[in-house]
Amino acid sequence: MAIFKVFFQQDKSEVIVRESTQTKYFEGQTEEQVRRFLSDRNYNIEFVQKLEGAHLEYEQQSDHFTVETI
Protein backbone atom coordinates (compact mmCIF):
# COMPACT_ATOMS: atom_id res chain seq x y z
CA MET A 1 0.00 0.00 0.00
CA ALA A 2 1.06 3.57 -0.66
CA ILE A 3 -0.01 6.99 0.58
CA PHE A 4 -1.33 9.49 -1.97
CA LYS A 5 -1.91 13.20 -1.48
CA VAL A 6 -4.87 14.44 -3.51
CA PHE A 7 -5.12 18.12 -4.47
CA PHE A 8 -8.68 19.13 -5.36
CA GLN A 9 -11.40 21.76 -5.53
CA GLN A 10 -14.52 21.00 -3.48
CA ASP A 11 -16.85 21.22 -6.51
CA LYS A 12 -16.34 19.82 -10.02
CA SER A 13 -17.83 22.98 -11.50
CA GLU A 14 -15.14 25.16 -9.87
CA VAL A 15 -12.22 26.36 -11.92
CA ILE A 16 -8.94 25.28 -10.36
CA VAL A 17 -7.64 28.19 -8.29
CA ARG A 18 -4.54 27.59 -6.21
CA GLU A 19 -5.86 29.54 -3.23
CA SER A 20 -8.95 27.30 -3.07
CA THR A 21 -7.10 24.00 -3.44
CA GLN A 22 -7.68 21.51 -0.65
CA THR A 23 -5.79 18.30 0.12
CA LYS A 24 -6.58 14.89 1.55
CA TYR A 25 -4.50 11.76 2.04
CA PHE A 26 -5.51 8.28 0.92
CA GLU A 27 -3.94 4.86 1.29
CA GLY A 28 -4.24 2.70 -1.81
CA GLN A 29 -2.44 0.48 -4.27
CA THR A 30 -2.26 2.85 -7.26
CA GLU A 31 -3.14 6.38 -8.35
CA GLU A 32 -5.83 4.89 -10.58
CA GLN A 33 -7.43 3.14 -7.59
CA VAL A 34 -7.50 6.43 -5.67
CA ARG A 35 -9.08 8.26 -8.61
CA ARG A 36 -11.72 5.53 -9.02
CA PHE A 37 -12.48 5.67 -5.29
CA LEU A 38 -13.04 9.44 -5.52
CA SER A 39 -15.06 9.37 -8.75
CA ASP A 40 -18.40 9.41 -6.91
CA ARG A 41 -17.45 12.55 -4.95
CA ASN A 42 -18.00 15.97 -6.45
CA TYR A 43 -14.26 16.80 -6.40
CA ASN A 44 -12.43 18.54 -9.22
CA ILE A 45 -9.15 16.64 -8.83
CA GLU A 46 -6.15 18.76 -9.72
CA PHE A 47 -3.31 16.33 -8.95
CA VAL A 48 -2.63 13.00 -7.21
CA GLN A 49 0.86 12.65 -5.75
CA LYS A 50 2.39 9.47 -4.35
CA LEU A 51 4.23 10.19 -1.10
CA GLU A 52 7.30 8.24 -0.07
CA GLY A 53 10.58 8.64 1.77
CA ALA A 54 11.46 12.01 3.25
CA HIS A 55 8.45 13.68 1.63
CA LEU A 56 6.06 11.26 3.38
CA GLU A 57 7.87 11.78 6.69
CA TYR A 58 7.52 15.55 6.29
CA GLU A 59 3.79 15.32 5.52
CA GLN A 60 3.24 13.03 8.54
CA GLN A 61 4.42 15.85 10.83
CA SER A 62 1.49 18.04 9.75
CA ASP A 63 -1.48 18.45 12.09
CA HIS A 64 -3.73 17.88 9.06
CA PHE A 65 -2.23 14.48 8.19
CA THR A 66 -5.04 11.93 8.43
CA VAL A 67 -5.17 9.03 6.01
CA GLU A 68 -8.38 7.59 4.61
CA THR A 69 -8.03 3.92 3.64
CA ILE A 70 -9.60 2.77 0.39
Foldseek 3Di string as FASTA:
>chain_A
DFKKKWWWAQALVDDDDPVRIDIAIEDDDDPVVVCVVCVVGRINTDDIGTDDDPRVVVLVPDPRHDYDYD
